[in-house]
PDB file of N, CA and C in Angstrom:
ATOM      1  N   MET A   1     121.804 117.548  58.675  1.00  0.00           N
ATOM      2  CA  MET A   1     122.495 117.226  59.900  1.00  0.00           C
ATOM      3  C   MET A   1     121.513 117.107  61.067  1.00  0.00           C
ATOM      4  N   GLY A   2     120.570 117.996  61.135  1.00  0.00           N
ATOM      5  CA  GLY A   2     119.582 117.956  62.203  1.00  0.00           C
ATOM      6  C   GLY A   2     118.703 116.727  62.138  1.00  0.00           C
ATOM      7  N   HIS A   3     118.402 116.296  60.909  1.00  0.00           N
ATOM      8  CA  HIS A   3     117.581 115.101  60.739  1.00  0.00           C
ATOM      9  C   HIS A   3     118.308 113.866  61.267  1.00  0.00           C
ATOM     10  N   ARG A   4     119.603 113.786  61.018  1.00  0.00           N
ATOM     11  CA  ARG A   4     120.388 112.645  61.496  1.00  0.00           C
ATOM     12  C   ARG A   4     120.510 112.675  63.025  1.00  0.00           C
ATOM     13  N   MET A   5     120.652 113.847  63.595  1.00  0.00           N
ATOM     14  CA  MET A   5     120.747 113.958  65.052  1.00  0.00           C
ATOM     15  C   MET A   5     119.435 113.590  65.726  1.00  0.00           C
ATOM     16  N   SER A   6     118.331 114.030  65.146  1.00  0.00           N
ATOM     17  CA  SER A   6     117.038 113.668  65.732  1.00  0.00           C
ATOM     18  C   SER A   6     116.781 112.179  65.587  1.00  0.00           C
ATOM     19  N   GLY A   7     117.236 111.591  64.479  1.00  0.00           N
ATOM     20  CA  GLY A   7     117.107 110.146  64.311  1.00  0.00           C
ATOM     21  C   GLY A   7     117.951 109.383  65.313  1.00  0.00           C
ATOM     22  N   ALA A   8     119.171 109.873  65.578  1.00  0.00           N
ATOM     23  CA  ALA A   8     120.036 109.234  66.566  1.00  0.00           C
ATOM     24  C   ALA A   8     119.442 109.350  67.964  1.00  0.00           C
ATOM     25  N   PHE A   9     118.846 110.483  68.282  1.00  0.00           N
ATOM     26  CA  PHE A   9     118.205 110.658  69.585  1.00  0.00           C
ATOM     27  C   PHE A   9     116.998 109.731  69.715  1.00  0.00           C
ATOM     28  N   ALA A  10     116.227 109.590  68.641  1.00  0.00           N
ATOM     29  CA  ALA A  10     115.059 108.710  68.674  1.00  0.00           C
ATOM     30  C   ALA A  10     115.487 107.257  68.862  1.00  0.00           C
ATOM     31  N   ILE A  11     116.526 106.823  68.184  1.00  0.00           N
ATOM     32  CA  ILE A  11     116.979 105.441  68.337  1.00  0.00           C
ATOM     33  C   ILE A  11     117.545 105.214  69.733  1.00  0.00           C
ATOM     34  N   ALA A  12     118.196 106.220  70.312  1.00  0.00           N
ATOM     35  CA  ALA A  12     118.718 106.082  71.681  1.00  0.00           C
ATOM     36  C   ALA A  12     117.570 105.945  72.675  1.00  0.00           C
ATOM     37  N   LEU A  13     116.502 106.698  72.488  1.00  0.00           N
ATOM     38  CA  LEU A  13     115.338 106.560  73.370  1.00  0.00           C
ATOM     39  C   LEU A  13     114.676 105.195  73.222  1.00  0.00           C
ATOM     40  N   GLN A  14     114.614 104.686  72.000  1.00  0.00           N
ATOM     41  CA  GLN A  14     114.017 103.382  71.783  1.00  0.00           C
ATOM     42  C   GLN A  14     114.870 102.276  72.394  1.00  0.00           C
ATOM     43  N   ILE A  15     116.174 102.430  72.346  1.00  0.00           N
ATOM     44  CA  ILE A  15     117.054 101.412  72.928  1.00  0.00           C
ATOM     45  C   ILE A  15     116.950 101.420  74.451  1.00  0.00           C
ATOM     46  N   THR A  16     116.886 102.582  75.055  1.00  0.00           N
ATOM     47  CA  THR A  16     116.854 102.664  76.515  1.00  0.00           C
ATOM     48  C   THR A  16     115.454 102.573  77.101  1.00  0.00           C
ATOM     49  N   ALA A  17     114.425 102.491  76.275  1.00  0.00           N
ATOM     50  CA  ALA A  17     113.054 102.469  76.772  1.00  0.00           C
ATOM     51  C   ALA A  17     112.768 101.310  77.733  1.00  0.00           C
ATOM     52  N   PRO A  18     113.204 100.067  77.464  1.00  0.00           N
ATOM     53  CA  PRO A  18     112.904  98.999  78.437  1.00  0.00           C
ATOM     54  C   PRO A  18     113.526  99.256  79.805  1.00  0.00           C
ATOM     55  N   VAL A  19     114.756  99.729  79.825  1.00  0.00           N
ATOM     56  CA  VAL A  19     115.416  99.989  81.105  1.00  0.00           C
ATOM     57  C   VAL A  19     114.729 101.140  81.832  1.00  0.00           C
ATOM     58  N   MET A  20     114.389 102.189  81.103  1.00  0.00           N
ATOM     59  CA  MET A  20     113.720 103.329  81.730  1.00  0.00           C
ATOM     60  C   MET A  20     112.359 102.935  82.288  1.00  0.00           C
ATOM     61  N   LEU A  21     111.632 102.085  81.575  1.00  0.00           N
ATOM     62  CA  LEU A  21     110.317 101.641  82.043  1.00  0.00           C
ATOM     63  C   LEU A  21     110.439 100.809  83.314  1.00  0.00           C
ATOM     64  N   VAL A  22     111.391  99.894  83.333  1.00  0.00           N
ATOM     65  CA  VAL A  22     111.576  99.059  84.526  1.00  0.00           C
ATOM     66  C   VAL A  22     112.007  99.913  85.716  1.00  0.00           C
ATOM     67  N   MET A  23     112.903 100.862  85.497  1.00  0.00           N
ATOM     68  CA  MET A  23     113.337 101.724  86.593  1.00  0.00           C
ATOM     69  C   MET A  23     112.181 102.586  87.118  1.00  0.00           C
ATOM     70  N   LEU A  24     111.335 103.059  86.203  1.00  0.00           N
ATOM     71  CA  LEU A  24     110.179 103.837  86.626  1.00  0.00           C
ATOM     72  C   LEU A  24     109.241 102.997  87.488  1.00  0.00           C
ATOM     73  N   LEU A  25     108.993 101.755  87.068  1.00  0.00           N
ATOM     74  CA  LEU A  25     108.113 100.883  87.845  1.00  0.00           C
ATOM     75  C   LEU A  25     108.710 100.545  89.208  1.00  0.00           C
ATOM     76  N   ILE A  26     110.015 100.321  89.267  1.00  0.00           N
ATOM     77  CA  ILE A  26     110.656 100.038  90.555  1.00  0.00           C
ATOM     78  C   ILE A  26     110.574 101.259  91.468  1.00  0.00           C
ATOM     79  N   ASN A  27     110.801 102.447  90.918  1.00  0.00           N
ATOM     80  CA  ASN A  27     110.724 103.664  91.740  1.00  0.00           C
ATOM     81  C   ASN A  27     109.300 103.954  92.193  1.00  0.00           C
ATOM     82  N   LEU A  28     108.325 103.685  91.334  1.00  0.00           N
ATOM     83  CA  LEU A  28     106.927 103.867  91.760  1.00  0.00           C
ATOM     84  C   LEU A  28     106.556 102.889  92.871  1.00  0.00           C
ATOM     85  N   GLY A  29     106.993 101.644  92.724  1.00  0.00           N
ATOM     86  CA  GLY A  29     106.753 100.670  93.792  1.00  0.00           C
ATOM     87  C   GLY A  29     107.471 101.046  95.078  1.00  0.00           C
ATOM     88  N   GLY A  30     108.691 101.547  94.944  1.00  0.00           N
ATOM     89  CA  GLY A  30     109.426 101.996  96.127  1.00  0.00           C
ATOM     90  C   GLY A  30     108.761 103.183  96.792  1.00  0.00           C
ATOM     91  N   GLY A  31     108.225 104.090  95.997  1.00  0.00           N
ATOM     92  CA  GLY A  31     107.503 105.235  96.569  1.00  0.00           C
ATOM     93  C   GLY A  31     106.252 104.807  97.310  1.00  0.00           C
ATOM     94  N   LEU A  32     105.557 103.823  96.755  1.00  0.00           N
ATOM     95  CA  LEU A  32     104.368 103.296  97.435  1.00  0.00           C
ATOM     96  C   LEU A  32     104.749 102.616  98.743  1.00  0.00           C
ATOM     97  N   LEU A  33     105.804 101.802  98.709  1.00  0.00           N
ATOM     98  CA  LEU A  33     106.265 101.155  99.942  1.00  0.00           C
ATOM     99  C   LEU A  33     106.761 102.177 100.953  1.00  0.00           C
ATOM    100  N   SER A  34     107.370 103.242 100.490  1.00  0.00           N
ATOM    101  CA  SER A  34     107.853 104.284 101.388  1.00  0.00           C
ATOM    102  C   SER A  34     106.690 104.967 102.108  1.00  0.00           C
ATOM    103  N   ARG A  35     105.576 105.124 101.398  1.00  0.00           N
ATOM    104  CA  ARG A  35     104.390 105.712 102.043  1.00  0.00           C
ATOM    105  C   ARG A  35     103.748 104.742 103.032  1.00  0.00           C
ATOM    106  N   LEU A  36     103.818 103.452 102.708  1.00  0.00           N
ATOM    107  CA  LEU A  36     103.207 102.465 103.594  1.00  0.00           C
ATOM    108  C   LEU A  36     104.054 102.185 104.825  1.00  0.00           C
ATOM    109  N   MET A  37     105.388 102.235 104.673  1.00  0.00           N
ATOM    110  CA  MET A  37     106.301 101.970 105.788  1.00  0.00           C
ATOM    111  C   MET A  37     107.294 103.119 105.890  1.00  0.00           C
ATOM    112  N   PRO A  38     106.921 104.243 106.479  1.00  0.00           N
ATOM    113  CA  PRO A  38     107.804 105.418 106.484  1.00  0.00           C
ATOM    114  C   PRO A  38     109.079 105.237 107.305  1.00  0.00           C
ATOM    115  N   ALA A  39     109.112 104.312 108.239  1.00  0.00           N
ATOM    116  CA  ALA A  39     110.301 104.146 109.071  1.00  0.00           C
ATOM    117  C   ALA A  39     111.407 103.382 108.343  1.00  0.00           C
ATOM    118  N   LEU A  40     111.054 102.646 107.308  1.00  0.00           N
ATOM    119  CA  LEU A  40     112.030 101.842 106.579  1.00  0.00           C
ATOM    120  C   LEU A  40     112.585 102.638 105.405  1.00  0.00           C
ATOM    121  N   GLN A  41     113.896 102.624 105.250  1.00  0.00           N
ATOM    122  CA  GLN A  41     114.540 103.333 104.144  1.00  0.00           C
ATOM    123  C   GLN A  41     114.471 102.481 102.878  1.00  0.00           C
ATOM    124  N   ILE A  42     113.365 102.607 102.150  1.00  0.00           N
ATOM    125  CA  ILE A  42     113.082 101.758 101.000  1.00  0.00           C
ATOM    126  C   ILE A  42     114.078 102.004  99.869  1.00  0.00           C
ATOM    127  N   PHE A  43     114.370 103.244  99.543  1.00  0.00           N
ATOM    128  CA  PHE A  43     115.220 103.532  98.399  1.00  0.00           C
ATOM    129  C   PHE A  43     116.658 103.071  98.647  1.00  0.00           C
ATOM    130  N   TYR A  44     117.072 103.049  99.900  1.00  0.00           N
ATOM    131  CA  TYR A  44     118.385 102.512 100.239  1.00  0.00           C
ATOM    132  C   TYR A  44     118.418 101.010  99.998  1.00  0.00           C
ATOM    133  N   LEU A  45     117.312 100.342 100.275  1.00  0.00           N
ATOM    134  CA  LEU A  45     117.231  98.899 100.055  1.00  0.00           C
ATOM    135  C   LEU A  45     116.994  98.546  98.592  1.00  0.00           C
ATOM    136  N   LEU A  46     116.345  99.428  97.835  1.00  0.00           N
ATOM    137  CA  LEU A  46     116.033  99.132  96.442  1.00  0.00           C
ATOM    138  C   LEU A  46     117.201  99.360  95.496  1.00  0.00           C
ATOM    139  N   LEU A  47     118.214 100.093  95.902  1.00  0.00           N
ATOM    140  CA  LEU A  47     119.330 100.388  95.003  1.00  0.00           C
ATOM    141  C   LEU A  47     120.031  99.129  94.491  1.00  0.00           C
ATOM    142  N   PRO A  48     120.394  98.157  95.340  1.00  0.00           N
ATOM    143  CA  PRO A  48     121.003  96.936  94.792  1.00  0.00           C
ATOM    144  C   PRO A  48     120.044  96.168  93.886  1.00  0.00           C
ATOM    145  N   LEU A  49     118.768  96.188  94.202  1.00  0.00           N
ATOM    146  CA  LEU A  49     117.777  95.522  93.360  1.00  0.00           C
ATOM    147  C   LEU A  49     117.684  96.194  91.995  1.00  0.00           C
ATOM    148  N   GLN A  50     117.725  97.502  91.968  1.00  0.00           N
ATOM    149  CA  GLN A  50     117.704  98.227  90.698  1.00  0.00           C
ATOM    150  C   GLN A  50     118.925  97.895  89.847  1.00  0.00           C
ATOM    151  N   ILE A  51     120.079  97.847  90.459  1.00  0.00           N
ATOM    152  CA  ILE A  51     121.304  97.530  89.725  1.00  0.00           C
ATOM    153  C   ILE A  51     121.227  96.115  89.174  1.00  0.00           C
ATOM    154  N   LEU A  52     120.768  95.174  89.970  1.00  0.00           N
ATOM    155  CA  LEU A  52     120.667  93.785  89.536  1.00  0.00           C
ATOM    156  C   LEU A  52     119.668  93.624  88.393  1.00  0.00           C
ATOM    157  N   ILE A  53     118.508  94.225  88.523  1.00  0.00           N
ATOM    158  CA  ILE A  53     117.486  94.108  87.479  1.00  0.00           C
ATOM    159  C   ILE A  53     117.944  94.776  86.197  1.00  0.00           C
ATOM    160  N   THR A  54     118.584  95.923  86.295  1.00  0.00           N
ATOM    161  CA  THR A  54     119.099  96.594  85.102  1.00  0.00           C
ATOM    162  C   THR A  54     120.160  95.750  84.417  1.00  0.00           C
ATOM    163  N   TYR A  55     121.045  95.163  85.186  1.00  0.00           N
ATOM    164  CA  TYR A  55     122.084  94.309  84.615  1.00  0.00           C
ATOM    165  C   TYR A  55     121.469  93.107  83.899  1.00  0.00           C
ATOM    166  N   ILE A  56     120.513  92.448  84.524  1.00  0.00           N
ATOM    167  CA  ILE A  56     119.866  91.287  83.910  1.00  0.00           C
ATOM    168  C   ILE A  56     119.116  91.694  82.652  1.00  0.00           C
ATOM    169  N   LEU A  57     118.397  92.800  82.699  1.00  0.00           N
ATOM    170  CA  LEU A  57     117.645  93.273  81.540  1.00  0.00           C
ATOM    171  C   LEU A  57     118.569  93.624  80.381  1.00  0.00           C
ATOM    172  N   LEU A  58     119.678  94.276  80.667  1.00  0.00           N
ATOM    173  CA  LEU A  58     120.630  94.609  79.611  1.00  0.00           C
ATOM    174  C   LEU A  58     121.298  93.367  79.037  1.00  0.00           C
ATOM    175  N   ARG A  59     121.572  92.368  79.878  1.00  0.00           N
ATOM    176  CA  ARG A  59     122.154  91.121  79.377  1.00  0.00           C
ATOM    177  C   ARG A  59     121.180  90.392  78.453  1.00  0.00           C
ATOM    178  N   ILE A  60     119.898  90.437  78.762  1.00  0.00           N
ATOM    179  CA  ILE A  60     118.898  89.748  77.950  1.00  0.00           C
ATOM    180  C   ILE A  60     118.687  90.465  76.621  1.00  0.00           C
ATOM    181  N   THR A  61     118.610  91.782  76.648  1.00  0.00           N
ATOM    182  CA  THR A  61     118.228  92.535  75.451  1.00  0.00           C
ATOM    183  C   THR A  61     119.394  93.103  74.656  1.00  0.00           C
ATOM    184  N   SER A  62     120.633  92.968  75.135  1.00  0.00           N
ATOM    185  CA  SER A  62     121.741  93.654  74.478  1.00  0.00           C
ATOM    186  C   SER A  62     122.003  93.157  73.060  1.00  0.00           C
ATOM    187  N   ASP A  63     121.888  91.863  72.799  1.00  0.00           N
ATOM    188  CA  ASP A  63     122.158  91.362  71.451  1.00  0.00           C
ATOM    189  C   ASP A  63     121.217  91.986  70.420  1.00  0.00           C
ATOM    190  N   GLY A  64     119.947  91.953  70.713  1.00  0.00           N
ATOM    191  CA  GLY A  64     118.979  92.528  69.785  1.00  0.00           C
ATOM    192  C   GLY A  64     119.130  94.029  69.636  1.00  0.00           C
ATOM    193  N   LEU A  65     119.420  94.705  70.743  1.00  0.00           N
ATOM    194  CA  LEU A  65     119.561  96.159  70.685  1.00  0.00           C
ATOM    195  C   LEU A  65     120.786  96.571  69.883  1.00  0.00           C
ATOM    196  N   PHE A  66     121.890  95.857  70.046  1.00  0.00           N
ATOM    197  CA  PHE A  66     123.096  96.206  69.287  1.00  0.00           C
ATOM    198  C   PHE A  66     122.917  95.924  67.803  1.00  0.00           C
ATOM    199  N   LEU A  67     122.233  94.825  67.475  1.00  0.00           N
ATOM    200  CA  LEU A  67     121.959  94.543  66.063  1.00  0.00           C
ATOM    201  C   LEU A  67     121.063  95.612  65.464  1.00  0.00           C
ATOM    202  N   TRP A  68     120.084  96.061  66.223  1.00  0.00           N
ATOM    203  CA  TRP A  68     119.178  97.114  65.770  1.00  0.00           C
ATOM    204  C   TRP A  68     119.961  98.412  65.540  1.00  0.00           C
ATOM    205  N   TYR A  69     120.851  98.746  66.472  1.00  0.00           N
ATOM    206  CA  TYR A  69     121.641  99.961  66.329  1.00  0.00           C
ATOM    207  C   TYR A  69     122.600  99.855  65.147  1.00  0.00           C
ATOM    208  N   MET A  70     123.212  98.698  64.961  1.00  0.00           N
ATOM    209  CA  MET A  70     124.143  98.532  63.838  1.00  0.00           C
ATOM    210  C   MET A  70     123.422  98.685  62.503  1.00  0.00           C
ATOM    211  N   ARG A  71     122.199  98.196  62.402  1.00  0.00           N
ATOM    212  CA  ARG A  71     121.416  98.376  61.182  1.00  0.00           C
ATOM    213  C   ARG A  71     121.126  99.856  60.952  1.00  0.00           C
ATOM    214  N   TYR A  72     120.789 100.571  62.009  1.00  0.00           N
ATOM    215  CA  TYR A  72     120.534 102.012  61.899  1.00  0.00           C
ATOM    216  C   TYR A  72     121.807 102.757  61.503  1.00  0.00           C
ATOM    217  N   ALA A  73     122.933 102.394  62.116  1.00  0.00           N
ATOM    218  CA  ALA A  73     124.195 103.070  61.805  1.00  0.00           C
ATOM    219  C   ALA A  73     124.632 102.766  60.377  1.00  0.00           C
ATOM    220  N   GLU A  74     124.405 101.538  59.920  1.00  0.00           N
ATOM    221  CA  GLU A  74     124.778 101.181  58.550  1.00  0.00           C
ATOM    222  C   GLU A  74     123.964 101.989  57.543  1.00  0.00           C
ATOM    223  N   GLU A  75     122.673 102.139  57.789  1.00  0.00           N
ATOM    224  CA  GLU A  75     121.830 102.930  56.895  1.00  0.00           C
ATOM    225  C   GLU A  75     122.253 104.392  56.896  1.00  0.00           C
ATOM    226  N   GLY A  76     122.642 104.904  58.056  1.00  0.00           N
ATOM    227  CA  GLY A  76     123.049 106.307  58.147  1.00  0.00           C
ATOM    228  C   GLY A  76     124.402 106.571  57.522  1.00  0.00           C
ATOM    229  N   LEU A  77     125.315 105.626  57.670  1.00  0.00           N
ATOM    230  CA  LEU A  77     126.657 105.842  57.118  1.00  0.00           C
ATOM    231  C   LEU A  77     126.725 105.643  55.618  1.00  0.00           C
ATOM    232  N   THR A  78     125.846 104.830  55.067  1.00  0.00           N
ATOM    233  CA  THR A  78     125.880 104.665  53.605  1.00  0.00           C
ATOM    234  C   THR A  78     125.544 105.967  52.902  1.00  0.00           C
ATOM    235  N   GLY A  79     124.762 106.833  53.520  1.00  0.00           N
ATOM    236  CA  GLY A  79     124.479 108.143  52.949  1.00  0.00           C
ATOM    237  C   GLY A  79     125.723 109.019  52.879  1.00  0.00           C
ATOM    238  N   PHE A  80     126.620 108.877  53.837  1.00  0.00           N
ATOM    239  CA  PHE A  80     127.861 109.653  53.811  1.00  0.00           C
ATOM    240  C   PHE A  80     128.874 109.101  52.830  1.00  0.00           C
ATOM    241  N   LEU A  81     128.885 107.791  52.658  1.00  0.00           N
ATOM    242  CA  LEU A  81     129.924 107.151  51.852  1.00  0.00           C
ATOM    243  C   LEU A  81     129.577 107.052  50.373  1.00  0.00           C
ATOM    244  N   SER A  82     128.310 107.124  50.024  1.00  0.00           N
ATOM    245  CA  SER A  82     127.954 107.012  48.606  1.00  0.00           C
ATOM    246  C   SER A  82     128.297 108.317  47.883  1.00  0.00           C
ATOM    247  N   PRO A  83     128.790 108.194  46.628  1.00  0.00           N
ATOM    248  CA  PRO A  83     129.194 109.419  45.891  1.00  0.00           C
ATOM    249  C   PRO A  83     128.028 110.241  45.416  1.00  0.00           C
TER     250      PRO A  83
END
């Protein structure tokens, strides 16, 4: 049971890795801009940009990610269903 849970956690991290990487880069850029222009509320302005970029990234990668997850789920469920 623990092996299956760790495998599910690993696949979840692999699926969300592109989004997490892009969000990290946007936040690092926002932090740099915040240091360069302290009077401007950068994170308030970056929130719509983050939502838009995440939506576009998920739309581009969702087909491949769901197929990858379905293959993983099929391999995991056949172990439960086989006699």
